[in-house]
Protein backbone atom coordinates (compact mmCIF):
# COMPACT_ATOMS: atom_id res chain seq x y z
CA MET A 1 7.22 51.72 21.57
CA SER A 2 4.08 52.86 23.28
CA ALA A 3 1.85 55.54 21.77
CA ASP A 4 2.79 57.75 24.72
CA ALA A 5 6.44 57.56 23.64
CA LEU A 6 5.83 58.68 20.06
CA PRO A 7 8.05 61.61 19.09
CA PHE A 8 5.12 63.17 17.26
CA THR A 9 1.53 63.91 18.13
CA MET A 10 -1.13 61.73 16.53
CA ASP A 11 -3.87 64.27 17.29
CA ILE A 12 -1.96 66.97 15.39
CA LEU A 13 -1.30 64.60 12.50
CA LEU A 14 -4.98 63.71 12.23
CA GLU A 15 -6.03 67.33 12.58
CA GLN A 16 -3.63 68.33 9.78
CA CYS A 17 -5.06 65.50 7.66
CA GLY A 18 -8.69 66.51 8.12
CA GLY A 19 -9.31 63.57 10.44
CA SER A 20 -8.54 61.06 7.68
CA THR A 21 -6.52 58.09 8.87
CA ALA A 22 -5.80 57.22 5.21
CA VAL A 23 -4.27 60.64 4.60
CA GLY A 24 -2.39 60.36 7.89
CA ALA A 25 -0.95 57.03 6.79
CA ALA A 26 0.05 58.54 3.43
CA VAL A 27 1.81 61.42 5.21
CA LEU A 28 3.70 58.94 7.40
CA ASP A 29 4.70 56.90 4.33
CA GLU A 30 5.94 60.05 2.60
CA PHE A 31 7.87 60.99 5.72
CA LEU A 32 9.66 57.62 5.54
CA ASN A 33 10.83 58.54 2.03
CA GLN A 34 11.59 62.17 2.82
CA VAL A 35 13.85 61.71 5.84
CA PRO A 36 16.63 59.74 4.13
CA ALA A 37 16.57 62.02 1.08
CA ASP A 38 16.63 65.24 3.10
CA THR A 39 19.24 64.09 5.62
CA GLN A 40 21.48 62.80 2.82
CA GLU A 41 21.09 66.10 0.99
CA MET A 42 21.97 67.99 4.16
CA GLU A 43 25.02 65.81 4.77
CA GLU A 44 26.31 66.23 1.21
CA ASN A 45 25.81 69.98 1.32
CA ILE A 46 27.42 70.31 4.74
CA THR A 47 30.45 68.48 3.34
CA SER A 48 30.58 70.73 0.28
CA GLY A 49 29.92 73.89 2.31
CA ASN A 50 26.65 74.74 0.54
CA LEU A 51 24.81 75.96 3.61
CA LEU A 52 21.96 77.50 1.62
CA GLN A 53 21.00 74.04 0.34
CA VAL A 54 21.26 72.70 3.89
CA SER A 55 18.82 75.43 4.89
CA LYS A 56 16.40 74.49 2.10
CA ALA A 57 16.41 70.81 3.07
CA GLY A 58 15.88 71.79 6.70
CA HIS A 59 12.94 73.96 5.67
CA ARG A 60 11.34 71.08 3.73
CA LEU A 61 11.69 68.64 6.58
CA LYS A 62 10.47 71.27 9.07
CA GLY A 63 7.17 71.44 7.18
CA THR A 64 6.58 67.73 7.46
CA ALA A 65 7.65 67.73 11.10
CA GLY A 66 5.00 70.37 11.71
CA VAL A 67 2.31 68.26 10.07
CA LEU A 68 3.33 65.32 12.24
CA GLY A 69 3.41 67.38 15.39
CA ALA A 70 7.05 66.34 15.88
CA ALA A 71 8.01 69.30 18.08
CA ALA A 72 11.63 68.32 18.76
CA LEU A 73 12.34 67.59 15.09
CA HIS A 74 10.56 70.79 14.02
CA LYS A 75 12.74 72.83 16.41
CA LEU A 76 15.96 71.24 15.12
CA CYS A 77 14.90 71.74 11.50
CA PHE A 78 14.19 75.40 12.21
CA ALA A 79 17.61 75.77 13.86
CA ILE A 80 19.46 74.23 10.91
CA GLU A 81 17.37 76.18 8.43
CA LEU A 82 18.25 79.47 10.13
CA ALA A 83 21.92 78.59 10.69
CA GLY A 84 22.30 77.53 7.06
CA LYS A 85 20.61 80.67 5.79
CA GLU A 86 22.90 82.80 7.96
CA GLY A 87 26.03 80.88 6.90
CA LYS A 88 26.79 79.67 10.43
CA GLU A 89 28.79 76.56 9.59
CA ALA A 90 29.74 75.69 13.18
CA GLU A 91 26.11 75.81 14.26
CA VAL A 92 25.01 73.68 11.29
CA ASN A 93 27.68 71.13 12.22
CA GLU A 94 26.48 71.13 15.82
CA VAL A 95 22.76 70.82 15.05
CA TYR A 96 22.89 68.30 12.20
CA PRO A 97 23.77 65.19 14.29
CA GLN A 98 20.95 66.02 16.69
CA LEU A 99 18.54 66.55 13.80
CA LYS A 100 19.55 63.28 12.16
CA ALA A 101 19.10 61.36 15.43
CA GLU A 102 15.69 62.91 16.10
CA ALA A 103 14.58 62.28 12.52
CA GLN A 104 15.57 58.62 12.94
CA ARG A 105 13.63 58.46 16.21
CA CYS A 106 10.57 59.69 14.31
CA VAL A 107 11.15 57.18 11.49
CA ASP A 108 11.45 54.38 14.04
CA ALA A 109 8.06 55.41 15.49
CA VAL A 110 6.20 55.29 12.17
CA PRO A 111 5.23 51.58 12.39
CA THR A 112 3.66 52.18 15.80
CA ALA A 113 1.83 55.24 14.47
CA LEU A 114 0.58 53.35 11.41
CA ALA A 115 -0.70 50.54 13.65
CA LYS A 116 -2.49 53.12 15.79
CA LEU A 117 -4.11 54.65 12.68
CA SER A 118 -5.32 51.29 11.43
CA GLY A 119 -6.56 50.03 14.76
């Protein structure tokens, strides 16, 4: 994956991290831990119908997506956060697969981003 194809913006990540590549790397590492936890939480709460918890997990992930400059993921997280908060089950069910796929695309790009930070 080329740096041009990253689903997040390295300049935004570094700006959010005060220009520190070490902090940027730590944020990326945390993101790798956060995505599976948040997507699993969303999935479990979608299944159980607890849309407020889906909204909260979407909100959490949206914050990290913003730090990464992951615009597509941020937009999907905002959509699921709002739909969950408003109790729109059909919309949550529509957005979640897209969110999960975009989150995975971001996770898959982390090794390339880490290499860019270290080199």
